[in-house]
Amino acid sequence: MINQLFWDFDGTLYDTYPAMVAAFHQALIEMHIDDLEIDDHSIYTTMRQQSLGTAFIQFAAEYGIAIKELKKKYYSREVEEVKKAKPIAGVPDILKTAITHGGANYLLTHRNDQAKELLKKDHLDVLFADAVTADMPFPRKPKPDSLNYLIEKHAVNRDAAIMIGDRELDILAGHNANIAAGLFDPDALIVQTGNPEIRVSQMAELGLWLQTDKD
């Protein structure tokens, strides 16, 4: 049974994308981009299919604005917006089930320690054995360094482990660390998937899959 769960944060544990898009939208308005020209769905799609970094590059070029200033205005708003984010439906149940079945949960995110603060606010921090955030000196996913660090530190059986995320880079990180990977893709936006062992649109599906015998 797979019961050692390594979790991405944005769009996997927490529904932070609406907050990120809102912060991006406001940053563009502050840079004098007309509200009617801003396509929130396009911003969201770029973040999901690529990354926030790609969104900065793409829309700074599209609107002819300075990327440095866009980032500055975005991050000044993002912290407060993200505080409103809630856990993805079904996530708390899977976290608890992993522990009930003798396993553990680990956080592996490109977000800074605000991710841990949100988990604590919702009393989910106690369900995590350890965490790696952007405030630690590891290469970004899909490089497996941070995953390998947690696996080796906690003597995790790789055959019982899975990396769960909402983008291809999460899947690749899992495979690069020689563990399984699951893609959470609620709106079927991910085209390049990295060939996960499972792809789901609802966390309940993942929960059921994790409880089945993989032998």
Protein backbone atom coordinates (compact mmCIF):
# COMPACT_ATOMS: atom_id res chain seq x y z
CA MET A 1 0.00 0.00 0.00
CA ILE A 2 1.18 3.51 -0.81
CA ASN A 3 0.99 5.49 2.43
CA GLN A 4 4.00 7.85 2.30
CA LEU A 5 2.56 10.95 0.66
CA PHE A 6 4.62 13.89 -0.59
CA TRP A 7 2.40 16.89 -1.34
CA ASP A 8 2.73 19.96 -3.53
CA PHE A 9 0.94 22.96 -1.99
CA ASP A 10 -0.52 25.37 -4.57
CA GLY A 11 -3.42 23.83 -6.41
CA THR A 12 -2.94 20.46 -4.68
CA LEU A 13 -3.28 20.90 -0.93
CA TYR A 14 -4.79 24.40 -1.14
CA ASP A 15 -6.87 26.19 -3.75
CA THR A 16 -4.52 29.16 -4.01
CA TYR A 17 -4.86 29.88 -7.73
CA PRO A 18 -7.86 32.24 -7.39
CA ALA A 19 -5.80 34.29 -4.93
CA MET A 20 -2.77 34.26 -7.21
CA VAL A 21 -4.82 35.34 -10.22
CA ALA A 22 -6.47 38.11 -8.19
CA ALA A 23 -3.07 39.41 -7.08
CA PHE A 24 -1.78 39.26 -10.66
CA HIS A 25 -4.87 41.09 -11.94
CA GLN A 26 -4.48 43.88 -9.40
CA ALA A 27 -0.77 44.17 -10.14
CA LEU A 28 -1.57 44.70 -13.84
CA ILE A 29 -4.18 47.34 -13.00
CA GLU A 30 -1.60 49.15 -10.83
CA MET A 31 0.62 49.19 -13.91
CA HIS A 32 -2.18 50.97 -15.81
CA ILE A 33 -3.41 47.99 -17.85
CA ASP A 34 -7.10 48.42 -18.67
CA ASP A 35 -9.32 46.03 -16.74
CA LEU A 36 -11.07 44.95 -19.94
CA GLU A 37 -7.76 43.84 -21.47
CA ILE A 38 -6.94 41.47 -18.61
CA ASP A 39 -7.89 37.83 -19.21
CA ASP A 40 -7.95 36.09 -15.84
CA HIS A 41 -8.53 32.66 -17.41
CA SER A 42 -5.47 33.07 -19.60
CA ILE A 43 -3.40 34.04 -16.56
CA TYR A 44 -4.69 31.02 -14.64
CA THR A 45 -4.05 28.65 -17.55
CA THR A 46 -0.47 29.87 -17.89
CA MET A 47 0.15 29.41 -14.16
CA ARG A 48 -1.29 25.88 -14.25
CA GLN A 49 0.23 24.65 -17.47
CA GLN A 50 3.57 26.39 -17.00
CA SER A 51 4.37 28.39 -13.86
CA LEU A 52 3.99 31.74 -12.15
CA GLY A 53 7.43 32.63 -13.52
CA THR A 54 6.22 31.97 -17.05
CA ALA A 55 3.16 34.16 -16.41
CA PHE A 56 5.42 37.06 -15.41
CA ILE A 57 7.45 36.70 -18.59
CA GLN A 58 4.46 36.19 -20.89
CA PHE A 59 2.25 39.00 -19.67
CA ALA A 60 5.03 41.52 -19.12
CA ALA A 61 5.88 41.02 -22.79
CA GLU A 62 2.23 41.04 -23.90
CA TYR A 63 1.46 44.33 -22.17
CA GLY A 64 4.86 45.91 -22.71
CA ILE A 65 5.58 46.45 -19.03
CA ALA A 66 8.62 45.91 -16.82
CA ILE A 67 8.74 42.39 -15.41
CA LYS A 68 10.61 43.53 -12.29
CA GLU A 69 7.88 46.02 -11.42
CA LEU A 70 5.15 43.47 -12.18
CA LYS A 71 6.74 40.99 -9.77
CA LYS A 72 7.10 43.65 -7.09
CA LYS A 73 3.47 44.68 -7.28
CA TYR A 74 2.28 41.06 -7.48
CA TYR A 75 4.15 39.88 -4.40
CA SER A 76 3.05 42.92 -2.41
CA ARG A 77 -0.54 41.71 -2.85
CA GLU A 78 -0.13 37.94 -2.99
CA VAL A 79 0.54 37.29 0.70
CA GLU A 80 -2.76 38.83 1.80
CA GLU A 81 -4.74 37.23 -1.03
CA VAL A 82 -3.36 33.75 -0.33
CA LYS A 83 -4.35 34.01 3.34
CA LYS A 84 -7.94 33.52 2.13
CA ALA A 85 -7.18 30.16 0.46
CA LYS A 86 -8.83 26.97 1.72
CA PRO A 87 -7.80 23.30 1.52
CA ILE A 88 -8.85 21.39 -1.59
CA ALA A 89 -11.97 19.29 -0.90
CA GLY A 90 -11.05 15.80 0.26
CA VAL A 91 -7.45 16.60 1.22
CA PRO A 92 -7.88 16.46 5.03
CA ASP A 93 -9.41 13.00 4.76
CA ILE A 94 -6.50 11.63 2.72
CA LEU A 95 -3.97 13.17 5.12
CA LYS A 96 -5.64 11.45 8.06
CA THR A 97 -6.05 8.15 6.22
CA ALA A 98 -2.35 7.99 5.38
CA ILE A 99 -1.50 8.25 9.06
CA THR A 100 -4.21 5.76 10.05
CA HIS A 101 -2.62 3.24 7.69
CA GLY A 102 0.81 3.66 9.24
CA GLY A 103 2.09 6.23 6.79
CA ALA A 104 2.99 9.91 6.83
CA ASN A 105 2.55 13.17 4.93
CA TYR A 106 5.30 15.51 3.76
CA LEU A 107 5.06 19.01 2.27
CA LEU A 108 7.20 19.81 -0.77
CA THR A 109 6.49 23.27 -2.19
CA HIS A 110 7.99 26.18 -4.10
CA ARG A 111 5.97 28.48 -1.82
CA ASN A 112 7.73 29.94 1.21
CA ASP A 113 6.87 29.24 4.84
CA GLN A 114 3.46 30.86 4.37
CA ALA A 115 2.39 27.37 3.26
CA LYS A 116 3.14 26.05 6.74
CA GLU A 117 1.30 28.99 8.29
CA LEU A 118 -1.85 28.16 6.32
CA LEU A 119 -1.65 24.50 7.35
CA LYS A 120 -1.35 25.60 10.96
CA LYS A 121 -4.31 27.98 10.65
CA ASP A 122 -6.50 25.10 9.52
CA HIS A 123 -5.02 22.67 12.08
CA LEU A 124 -3.54 20.49 9.35
CA ASP A 125 0.10 21.04 10.30
CA VAL A 126 -0.11 18.24 12.87
CA LEU A 127 -0.76 15.80 10.01
CA PHE A 128 2.65 16.47 8.42
CA ALA A 129 5.86 14.76 9.47
CA ASP A 130 8.13 17.28 7.74
CA ALA A 131 8.28 19.98 5.07
CA VAL A 132 10.51 21.57 2.45
CA THR A 133 9.57 25.09 1.36
CA ALA A 134 11.15 27.78 -0.81
CA ASP A 135 12.85 29.12 2.31
CA MET A 136 15.19 26.11 2.22
CA PRO A 137 18.22 25.87 -0.14
CA PHE A 138 17.07 23.16 -2.54
CA PRO A 139 16.86 23.25 -6.35
CA ARG A 140 13.34 23.63 -7.67
CA LYS A 141 11.29 20.72 -8.92
CA PRO A 142 11.54 18.69 -11.14
CA LYS A 143 15.00 18.18 -9.64
CA PRO A 144 14.58 15.49 -6.95
CA ASP A 145 16.98 16.87 -4.34
CA SER A 146 14.31 18.04 -1.88
CA LEU A 147 12.34 14.82 -2.28
CA ASN A 148 15.43 12.69 -1.77
CA TYR A 149 16.30 14.74 1.31
CA LEU A 150 12.95 13.96 2.95
CA ILE A 151 13.01 10.32 1.84
CA GLU A 152 16.47 9.71 3.22
CA LYS A 153 15.94 11.74 6.39
CA HIS A 154 12.86 9.71 7.31
CA ALA A 155 14.02 6.38 5.86
CA VAL A 156 10.95 6.25 3.61
CA ASN A 157 10.35 3.09 1.59
CA ARG A 158 10.26 4.38 -1.98
CA ASP A 159 7.89 1.59 -3.01
CA ALA A 160 5.32 3.01 -0.56
CA ALA A 161 5.79 6.64 -1.61
CA ILE A 162 4.07 8.98 -4.06
CA MET A 163 4.54 12.61 -5.06
CA ILE A 164 1.18 14.36 -5.52
CA GLY A 165 0.94 17.58 -7.50
CA ASP A 166 -1.03 19.54 -10.09
CA ARG A 167 1.66 20.06 -12.73
CA GLU A 168 4.06 18.03 -14.84
CA LEU A 169 7.06 19.20 -12.82
CA ASP A 170 5.62 17.48 -9.72
CA ILE A 171 5.26 14.23 -11.65
CA LEU A 172 8.78 14.48 -13.02
CA ALA A 173 10.17 15.23 -9.56
CA GLY A 174 8.55 12.08 -8.21
CA HIS A 175 9.87 9.93 -11.02
CA ASN A 176 13.32 11.52 -10.74
CA ALA A 177 13.33 10.41 -7.10
CA ASN A 178 12.25 6.89 -8.15
CA ILE A 179 8.83 7.05 -6.55
CA ALA A 180 5.30 7.02 -7.97
CA ALA A 181 3.53 10.24 -8.89
CA GLY A 182 -0.11 11.34 -8.97
CA LEU A 183 -1.51 14.26 -10.98
CA PHE A 184 -4.40 16.28 -9.55
CA ASP A 185 -5.92 17.99 -12.59
CA PRO A 186 -9.41 19.24 -11.66
CA ASP A 187 -10.05 21.10 -14.90
CA ALA A 188 -8.17 18.86 -17.37
CA LEU A 189 -5.74 21.64 -18.31
CA ILE A 190 -2.51 19.67 -18.17
CA VAL A 191 -1.42 18.50 -21.63
CA GLN A 192 2.14 17.38 -20.84
CA THR A 193 1.55 15.14 -17.83
CA GLY A 194 4.85 13.36 -17.26
CA ASN A 195 2.96 10.03 -17.31
CA PRO A 196 1.76 9.81 -13.70
CA GLU A 197 0.71 6.52 -12.16
CA ILE A 198 -2.70 8.10 -11.57
CA ARG A 199 -4.47 11.23 -12.81
CA VAL A 200 -7.57 12.44 -10.98
CA SER A 201 -9.98 15.37 -11.10
CA GLN A 202 -11.19 14.95 -7.51
CA MET A 203 -9.23 14.09 -4.39
CA ALA A 204 -11.76 11.41 -3.46
CA GLU A 205 -10.60 9.41 -6.49
CA LEU A 206 -7.02 9.59 -5.28
CA GLY A 207 -8.07 8.51 -1.80
CA LEU A 208 -9.74 5.38 -3.15
CA TRP A 209 -6.78 4.54 -5.37
CA LEU A 210 -4.30 4.87 -2.51
CA GLN A 211 -6.26 2.36 -0.46
CA THR A 212 -6.19 -0.37 -3.11
CA ASP A 213 -3.53 -3.08 -3.22
CA LYS A 214 -0.85 -2.16 -5.80
CA ASP A 215 0.83 -5.59 -5.83
